[in-house]
Amino acid sequence: MNLRQRHDRVLVVDDTNANLVLLNEVLSGSGYCVSVATNGADALESARRSPPDVILFDIMMPGMDGYEVLAELKSDKATAHIPVLLLSALDEPDSKSKGFELGACDYVIKPFQLVEVLARLSTHLRVADLERRLRWSEGAMREGERIARMGTWTSKHSTGEVEWSDELFGLFCADRSANLSIAEILEQAVDAKDLRRVKELFSDPVATLGGDRCVEFRLGRSGQTGRILRAMGREGMDRVSSEGQVFIGVVMDVSRILQDHQADLSRSKVHRRILDLHPDPYLRLDGKGRILEANDAMAHLLGRELPGIVGENLRILEPPDSIGGSFLEAVHRGLNSGFHRIQSTILARGGACPVEATLVSADDTGSDLALFLRAVVDRRSAE
């Protein structure tokens, strides 16, 4: 028999010393970490002090019997999750049903076969491990929903049953314990202008959100006016109940995202207006010398349309047979030497044009570069 890689902890409870010695020897030899108790009170104290992964105990014990211990374990949140296997010489339906009703996961009849006990322990430990992982996943998902301000819901095609997550109730400012219908929740939370569309969304999500579409709507409840939610989802298979197709939907609070986007657009428009009014020609470059942005003064200097400049490489400014090196090389020399003002020559509308360029980092990372040019001949003429 292979030793177990994970040393699961087993609490064995029996008032018969021979049974304790036998089970301790066999379970320890199979890779389990075993602790023992000879009565119900000691078993409860041990389980609460250091909760085991599984409990195996005899029903018929003096003082507190197995049923009483089981009831105490299942009423305590700290021990309610522990799988309990009952050992008993009573092979009666009433005895078994009582144990199952109190929360036992299995029932082993004495005299027991050790192979059977080991097999049942292994099975219930695997189930308990899956339940632990499921609880952790559900907890992580709920925390992720809370952080992202996102709620989920499912709608089963076969039954029409709809299930909302706790966070989705929160997004609609609804109390799950109030037992309101979906229609009542929506009527209380959603802006009247969007109400019909949102009701259709939850009554027939496939038609509303099919083809990767999304629906945005505004909340109109007191204190929530201005918040905007976005719903999206798609069809999938119900892997839990095997009842066929299920629609899985997600609702996000996108109010902050849209506000930030609108602010970015406003800043972008102001930025664009400032650049267009700036008297000096301007270019913004990426690390490879590609032109990301230019202003009207630059288009005028080069004699080109503005859309025809953006996306080109800085080499379009190179005059043929440049004297003293290319403009791009001069830019690199200026950056490497620490000088942020250089003089060179570019190819302008009237041919080769001496310019003075001021170099400025255009973003926090330093990967983009802004260049403000001034035609030297123009400046001298003005002087």
Protein backbone atom coordinates (compact mmCIF):
# COMPACT_ATOMS: atom_id res chain seq x y z
CA MET A 1 0.00 0.00 0.00
CA ASN A 2 1.39 3.45 -0.99
CA LEU A 3 2.02 5.94 1.78
CA ARG A 4 -0.02 9.11 1.50
CA GLN A 5 1.84 12.24 0.39
CA ARG A 6 -0.39 14.49 2.52
CA HIS A 7 -0.48 13.55 6.22
CA ASP A 8 -4.20 13.94 6.91
CA ARG A 9 -5.08 14.15 10.58
CA VAL A 10 -7.54 11.56 11.89
CA LEU A 11 -9.19 11.69 15.30
CA VAL A 12 -10.23 8.19 16.46
CA VAL A 13 -12.74 8.00 19.31
CA ASP A 14 -13.51 4.66 20.96
CA ASP A 15 -13.85 3.48 24.55
CA THR A 16 -12.38 0.07 23.66
CA ASN A 17 -8.59 0.11 23.99
CA ALA A 18 -8.08 -2.78 21.55
CA ASN A 19 -9.92 -0.90 18.80
CA LEU A 20 -7.87 2.26 19.45
CA VAL A 21 -4.57 0.37 19.28
CA LEU A 22 -5.54 -1.45 16.08
CA LEU A 23 -6.86 1.62 14.25
CA ASN A 24 -3.93 3.76 15.40
CA GLU A 25 -1.43 1.19 14.10
CA VAL A 26 -3.14 0.66 10.73
CA LEU A 27 -3.89 4.35 10.05
CA SER A 28 -0.41 5.51 11.12
CA GLY A 29 1.11 2.84 8.89
CA SER A 30 -0.97 4.19 5.98
CA GLY A 31 0.44 7.71 6.35
CA TYR A 32 -2.22 9.31 8.54
CA CYS A 33 -1.43 11.45 11.58
CA VAL A 34 -3.57 9.88 14.31
CA SER A 35 -4.84 11.25 17.61
CA VAL A 36 -7.14 9.31 19.94
CA ALA A 37 -9.81 9.94 22.58
CA THR A 38 -11.63 7.47 24.81
CA ASN A 39 -14.82 9.46 25.48
CA GLY A 40 -17.04 12.10 23.93
CA ALA A 41 -15.96 15.02 26.11
CA ASP A 42 -12.27 14.47 25.33
CA ALA A 43 -13.13 14.09 21.62
CA LEU A 44 -14.91 17.47 21.56
CA GLU A 45 -12.04 19.18 23.38
CA SER A 46 -9.47 17.67 20.99
CA ALA A 47 -11.49 18.57 17.86
CA ARG A 48 -11.95 22.18 18.99
CA ARG A 49 -8.34 22.62 20.10
CA SER A 50 -6.82 21.18 16.91
CA PRO A 51 -9.48 20.39 14.28
CA PRO A 52 -8.63 17.13 12.44
CA ASP A 53 -9.30 16.45 8.78
CA VAL A 54 -11.66 13.57 9.61
CA ILE A 55 -13.19 11.98 12.72
CA LEU A 56 -13.86 8.28 13.20
CA PHE A 57 -15.77 7.44 16.36
CA ASP A 58 -17.89 4.79 18.03
CA ILE A 59 -21.55 5.59 18.68
CA MET A 60 -21.97 3.49 21.84
CA MET A 61 -19.79 5.07 24.56
CA PRO A 62 -20.43 5.74 28.26
CA GLY A 63 -21.42 9.26 29.23
CA MET A 64 -21.74 11.38 26.08
CA ASP A 65 -22.55 8.98 23.21
CA GLY A 66 -21.60 9.38 19.54
CA TYR A 67 -24.86 11.07 18.57
CA GLU A 68 -24.41 13.78 21.19
CA VAL A 69 -20.81 14.36 20.14
CA LEU A 70 -21.89 14.55 16.50
CA ALA A 71 -24.60 17.11 17.28
CA GLU A 72 -22.10 19.26 19.21
CA LEU A 73 -19.54 19.09 16.38
CA LYS A 74 -22.03 20.11 13.70
CA SER A 75 -23.42 23.01 15.75
CA ASP A 76 -19.95 24.57 16.10
CA LYS A 77 -18.72 26.59 13.09
CA ALA A 78 -15.13 25.64 13.88
CA THR A 79 -15.84 21.90 13.52
CA ALA A 80 -19.02 21.68 11.43
CA HIS A 81 -17.06 21.12 8.20
CA ILE A 82 -15.15 18.05 9.50
CA PRO A 83 -16.36 14.77 7.93
CA VAL A 84 -17.47 12.26 10.58
CA LEU A 85 -17.59 8.48 10.10
CA LEU A 86 -19.59 6.53 12.69
CA LEU A 87 -18.56 3.09 13.97
CA SER A 88 -21.34 0.94 15.42
CA ALA A 89 -22.39 -2.64 16.02
CA LEU A 90 -25.99 -1.49 15.48
CA ASP A 91 -26.94 -2.34 11.91
CA GLU A 92 -30.43 -0.88 12.16
CA PRO A 93 -32.02 1.61 9.74
CA ASP A 94 -33.08 3.92 12.57
CA SER A 95 -29.55 4.12 13.94
CA LYS A 96 -28.11 4.90 10.52
CA SER A 97 -30.75 7.48 9.62
CA LYS A 98 -30.28 9.26 12.95
CA GLY A 99 -26.55 9.53 12.31
CA PHE A 100 -27.04 10.88 8.79
CA GLU A 101 -29.68 13.36 9.96
CA LEU A 102 -27.21 14.73 12.51
CA GLY A 103 -24.56 15.23 9.81
CA ALA A 104 -22.47 12.04 9.63
CA CYS A 105 -21.00 11.38 6.19
CA ASP A 106 -20.70 7.58 6.53
CA TYR A 107 -21.50 4.61 8.71
CA VAL A 108 -19.22 1.56 9.28
CA ILE A 109 -20.62 -1.58 10.90
CA LYS A 110 -18.63 -3.50 13.50
CA PRO A 111 -16.82 -5.77 13.28
CA PHE A 112 -15.23 -3.64 10.59
CA GLN A 113 -12.84 -4.60 7.83
CA LEU A 114 -9.68 -2.46 7.89
CA VAL A 115 -9.57 -2.29 4.10
CA GLU A 116 -13.11 -0.91 4.09
CA VAL A 117 -12.29 1.68 6.76
CA LEU A 118 -9.22 2.87 4.81
CA ALA A 119 -11.19 3.10 1.56
CA ARG A 120 -14.01 5.08 3.15
CA LEU A 121 -11.59 7.43 4.90
CA SER A 122 -9.74 8.08 1.64
CA THR A 123 -12.97 8.77 -0.24
CA HIS A 124 -14.33 11.25 2.30
CA LEU A 125 -10.99 13.03 2.64
CA ARG A 126 -10.94 13.57 -1.13
CA VAL A 127 -14.49 14.95 -0.97
CA ALA A 128 -13.56 17.20 1.97
CA ASP A 129 -10.50 18.46 0.09
CA LEU A 130 -12.64 19.32 -2.94
CA GLU A 131 -15.11 21.12 -0.68
CA ARG A 132 -12.26 23.12 0.91
CA ARG A 133 -11.00 24.14 -2.51
CA LEU A 134 -14.52 25.07 -3.59
CA ARG A 135 -15.02 27.22 -0.48
CA TRP A 136 -11.69 28.93 -1.12
CA SER A 137 -12.53 29.53 -4.80
CA GLU A 138 -15.95 30.92 -3.92
CA GLY A 139 -14.42 33.18 -1.27
CA ALA A 140 -11.74 34.39 -3.68
CA MET A 141 -14.37 35.02 -6.36
CA ARG A 142 -16.55 37.01 -3.96
CA GLU A 143 -13.58 39.10 -2.87
CA GLY A 144 -12.60 39.65 -6.51
CA GLU A 145 -16.14 40.76 -7.32
CA ARG A 146 -16.11 43.16 -4.38
CA ILE A 147 -12.77 44.71 -5.38
CA ALA A 148 -13.74 45.01 -9.04
CA ARG A 149 -17.25 46.27 -8.23
CA MET A 150 -18.60 43.42 -10.32
CA GLY A 151 -21.49 41.02 -9.80
CA THR A 152 -22.48 37.82 -11.62
CA TRP A 153 -25.67 35.98 -12.40
CA THR A 154 -26.67 32.74 -14.11
CA SER A 155 -29.85 31.84 -15.95
CA LYS A 156 -30.67 28.18 -16.71
CA HIS A 157 -32.42 27.59 -20.02
CA SER A 158 -34.16 24.39 -18.92
CA THR A 159 -35.81 25.77 -15.77
CA GLY A 160 -35.63 29.54 -16.15
CA GLU A 161 -33.99 29.65 -12.72
CA VAL A 162 -31.90 32.79 -12.14
CA GLU A 163 -29.20 33.12 -9.46
CA TRP A 164 -27.55 36.40 -8.42
CA SER A 165 -24.27 36.75 -6.55
CA ASP A 166 -24.16 38.78 -3.34
CA GLU A 167 -22.16 41.51 -5.06
CA LEU A 168 -24.81 41.85 -7.78
CA PHE A 169 -27.42 42.48 -5.09
CA GLY A 170 -25.06 45.11 -3.71
CA LEU A 171 -24.66 46.84 -7.08
CA PHE A 172 -28.43 47.25 -7.25
CA CYS A 173 -28.56 48.34 -3.58
CA ALA A 174 -30.82 45.38 -2.82
CA ASP A 175 -31.04 43.16 0.25
CA ARG A 176 -31.04 39.45 -0.57
CA SER A 177 -32.95 38.68 2.63
CA ALA A 178 -35.85 40.91 1.52
CA ASN A 179 -36.85 38.19 -1.00
CA LEU A 180 -37.83 40.73 -3.66
CA SER A 181 -38.38 39.58 -7.23
CA ILE A 182 -35.90 40.66 -9.89
CA ALA A 183 -38.54 42.94 -11.38
CA GLU A 184 -39.07 44.64 -8.00
CA ILE A 185 -35.32 45.13 -7.50
CA LEU A 186 -34.94 46.65 -10.96
CA GLU A 187 -37.94 48.95 -10.51
CA GLN A 188 -36.45 50.31 -7.30
CA ALA A 189 -32.88 50.74 -8.60
CA VAL A 190 -32.83 51.44 -12.35
CA ASP A 191 -33.43 54.78 -14.05
CA ALA A 192 -36.91 54.87 -15.57
CA LYS A 193 -35.52 55.55 -19.05
CA ASP A 194 -33.51 52.31 -18.98
CA LEU A 195 -35.91 50.13 -16.98
CA ARG A 196 -37.65 48.36 -19.89
CA ARG A 197 -34.32 47.51 -21.53
CA VAL A 198 -32.83 46.17 -18.29
CA LYS A 199 -35.89 44.01 -17.60
CA GLU A 200 -35.50 42.51 -21.07
CA LEU A 201 -31.85 41.91 -20.27
CA PHE A 202 -32.63 39.69 -17.28
CA SER A 203 -35.72 38.03 -18.76
CA ASP A 204 -34.05 37.11 -22.08
CA PRO A 205 -30.27 37.62 -21.77
CA VAL A 206 -29.46 35.55 -24.87
CA ALA A 207 -31.45 37.86 -27.15
CA THR A 208 -30.20 40.99 -25.40
CA LEU A 209 -26.51 40.13 -24.97
CA GLY A 210 -25.96 37.56 -27.71
CA GLY A 211 -22.98 38.01 -29.99
CA ASP A 212 -20.74 39.50 -27.28
CA ARG A 213 -22.86 42.66 -27.03
CA CYS A 214 -23.04 44.69 -23.84
CA VAL A 215 -25.74 46.88 -22.31
CA GLU A 216 -25.08 50.01 -20.26
CA PHE A 217 -27.73 51.53 -18.04
CA ARG A 218 -28.03 54.15 -15.34
CA LEU A 219 -29.22 53.71 -11.77
CA GLY A 220 -31.91 56.13 -10.68
CA ARG A 221 -32.37 55.28 -7.00
CA SER A 222 -31.94 58.06 -4.45
CA GLY A 223 -28.27 58.52 -3.70
CA GLN A 224 -27.23 56.41 -6.70
CA THR A 225 -28.11 58.77 -9.56
CA GLY A 226 -25.24 59.00 -11.99
CA ARG A 227 -23.87 55.51 -11.44
CA ILE A 228 -23.65 53.51 -14.66
CA LEU A 229 -23.58 49.72 -14.86
CA ARG A 230 -22.49 47.61 -17.82
CA ALA A 231 -23.83 44.08 -18.40
CA MET A 232 -22.29 41.43 -20.61
CA GLY A 233 -22.25 37.64 -20.81
CA ARG A 234 -22.47 34.54 -22.94
CA GLU A 235 -23.94 31.05 -23.09
CA GLY A 236 -22.15 28.00 -21.72
CA MET A 237 -22.73 24.53 -20.34
CA ASP A 238 -23.92 24.04 -16.77
CA ARG A 239 -21.06 21.87 -15.47
CA VAL A 240 -22.51 21.66 -11.96
CA SER A 241 -26.00 20.26 -12.45
CA SER A 242 -25.58 18.96 -16.01
CA GLU A 243 -28.88 20.59 -16.98
CA GLY A 244 -27.62 21.77 -20.36
CA GLN A 245 -27.21 25.37 -21.47
CA VAL A 246 -26.84 28.21 -18.99
CA PHE A 247 -26.31 31.92 -19.53
CA ILE A 248 -23.53 33.44 -17.43
CA GLY A 249 -23.73 37.21 -17.03
CA VAL A 250 -21.51 39.86 -15.50
CA VAL A 251 -22.48 43.35 -14.35
CA MET A 252 -19.81 45.96 -13.64
CA ASP A 253 -19.94 49.43 -12.15
CA VAL A 254 -18.25 51.45 -14.92
CA SER A 255 -19.08 54.91 -13.57
CA ARG A 256 -15.48 55.67 -12.59
CA ILE A 257 -14.10 54.21 -15.82
CA LEU A 258 -16.40 56.36 -17.95
CA GLN A 259 -15.67 59.45 -15.85
CA ASP A 260 -11.93 58.91 -16.24
CA HIS A 261 -12.36 58.30 -19.96
CA GLN A 262 -14.36 61.51 -20.35
CA ALA A 263 -11.73 63.40 -18.38
CA ASP A 264 -9.01 61.95 -20.62
CA LEU A 265 -10.95 63.05 -23.70
CA SER A 266 -11.34 66.56 -22.28
CA ARG A 267 -7.65 66.76 -21.45
CA SER A 268 -6.80 65.43 -24.89
CA LYS A 269 -8.92 68.10 -26.57
CA VAL A 270 -7.32 70.84 -24.47
CA HIS A 271 -3.87 69.41 -25.19
CA ARG A 272 -4.63 69.29 -28.91
CA ARG A 273 -5.90 72.87 -28.90
CA ILE A 274 -2.79 74.14 -27.07
CA LEU A 275 -0.49 72.39 -29.54
CA ASP A 276 -2.34 73.76 -32.55
CA LEU A 277 -2.07 77.29 -31.15
CA HIS A 278 1.62 76.89 -30.27
CA PRO A 279 3.71 79.01 -32.69
CA ASP A 280 6.63 76.57 -32.82
CA PRO A 281 6.54 73.37 -34.90
CA TYR A 282 6.10 70.33 -32.62
CA LEU A 283 6.66 66.58 -32.97
CA ARG A 284 6.19 63.69 -30.56
CA LEU A 285 8.25 60.55 -31.25
CA ASP A 286 8.37 57.04 -29.85
CA GLY A 287 11.61 55.24 -29.05
CA LYS A 288 12.00 54.09 -32.65
CA GLY A 289 11.69 57.55 -34.15
CA ARG A 290 8.09 57.12 -35.33
CA ILE A 291 6.07 60.34 -35.30
CA LEU A 292 3.11 59.98 -32.92
CA GLU A 293 1.83 63.55 -32.95
CA ALA A 294 2.44 66.88 -34.73
CA ASN A 295 0.84 70.30 -34.80
CA ASP A 296 -0.30 72.69 -37.52
CA ALA A 297 2.92 74.73 -37.30
CA MET A 298 4.94 71.58 -38.13
CA ALA A 299 2.68 70.77 -41.08
CA HIS A 300 3.13 74.34 -42.33
CA LEU A 301 6.94 74.15 -41.96
CA LEU A 302 7.15 70.87 -43.86
CA GLY A 303 4.54 71.83 -46.46
CA ARG A 304 2.59 68.61 -45.81
CA GLU A 305 -0.88 67.71 -44.62
CA LEU A 306 -1.00 66.88 -40.88
CA PRO A 307 -2.44 63.35 -41.34
CA GLY A 308 0.42 62.57 -43.71
CA ILE A 309 3.02 63.29 -41.03
CA VAL A 310 1.72 61.18 -38.14
CA GLY A 311 2.91 57.59 -38.41
CA GLU A 312 5.95 58.45 -40.53
CA ASN A 313 9.53 58.08 -39.34
CA LEU A 314 11.59 61.09 -38.32
CA ARG A 315 13.74 60.44 -41.39
CA ILE A 316 11.18 62.30 -43.52
CA LEU A 317 12.85 65.44 -42.16
CA GLU A 318 16.25 64.44 -43.58
CA PRO A 319 17.45 66.67 -46.43
CA PRO A 320 19.40 64.87 -49.18
CA ASP A 321 23.18 64.86 -48.67
CA SER A 322 22.92 66.21 -45.12
CA ILE A 323 25.99 68.16 -44.09
CA GLY A 324 27.23 67.40 -40.60
CA GLY A 325 25.10 64.27 -40.14
CA SER A 326 21.38 63.58 -40.13
CA PHE A 327 18.81 65.32 -37.97
CA LEU A 328 18.04 62.01 -36.22
CA GLU A 329 21.71 61.55 -35.34
CA ALA A 330 21.81 65.08 -33.95
CA VAL A 331 18.80 64.27 -31.76
CA HIS A 332 20.51 61.16 -30.40
CA ARG A 333 23.76 63.04 -29.79
CA GLY A 334 21.89 65.72 -27.87
CA LEU A 335 20.15 63.16 -25.65
CA ASN A 336 23.31 61.14 -24.99
CA SER A 337 25.39 64.21 -24.18
CA GLY A 338 22.81 65.72 -21.88
CA PHE A 339 22.20 68.74 -24.10
CA HIS A 340 18.50 69.23 -24.72
CA ARG A 341 18.90 71.94 -27.34
CA ILE A 342 20.51 71.14 -30.66
CA GLN A 343 21.00 72.75 -34.06
CA SER A 344 20.70 70.83 -37.29
CA THR A 345 19.08 70.95 -40.72
CA ILE A 346 15.77 69.47 -41.85
CA LEU A 347 13.97 69.14 -45.17
CA ALA A 348 11.23 71.80 -45.06
CA ARG A 349 8.75 73.11 -47.62
CA GLY A 350 11.36 75.35 -49.28
CA GLY A 351 14.23 72.86 -49.10
CA ALA A 352 16.98 72.49 -46.50
CA CYS A 353 16.16 74.57 -43.43
CA PRO A 354 18.47 75.18 -40.43
CA VAL A 355 16.55 74.64 -37.18
CA GLU A 356 17.06 74.76 -33.47
CA ALA A 357 15.34 71.90 -31.59
CA THR A 358 14.42 71.67 -27.91
CA LEU A 359 14.17 68.08 -26.63
CA VAL A 360 11.73 67.21 -23.83
CA SER A 361 10.65 63.86 -22.35
CA ALA A 362 7.00 63.42 -23.32
CA ASP A 363 5.93 60.84 -20.70
CA ASP A 364 6.81 59.49 -17.27
CA THR A 365 8.73 56.51 -18.67
CA GLY A 366 10.99 58.62 -20.87
CA SER A 367 10.28 56.39 -23.89
CA ASP A 368 8.54 59.17 -25.87
CA LEU A 369 10.25 62.38 -26.89
CA ALA A 370 8.78 65.80 -27.69
CA LEU A 371 10.62 68.14 -30.09
CA PHE A 372 9.89 71.84 -30.46
CA LEU A 373 11.57 73.28 -33.56
CA ARG A 374 12.33 76.80 -34.59
CA ALA A 375 13.61 77.71 -38.02
CA VAL A 376 16.84 79.60 -37.43
CA VAL A 377 16.46 81.69 -40.60
CA ASP A 378 13.00 82.81 -39.50
CA ARG A 379 14.28 83.86 -36.09
CA ARG A 380 17.23 85.75 -37.56
CA SER A 381 14.96 87.48 -40.05
CA ALA A 382 12.68 88.52 -37.21
CA GLU A 383 15.70 89.89 -35.34
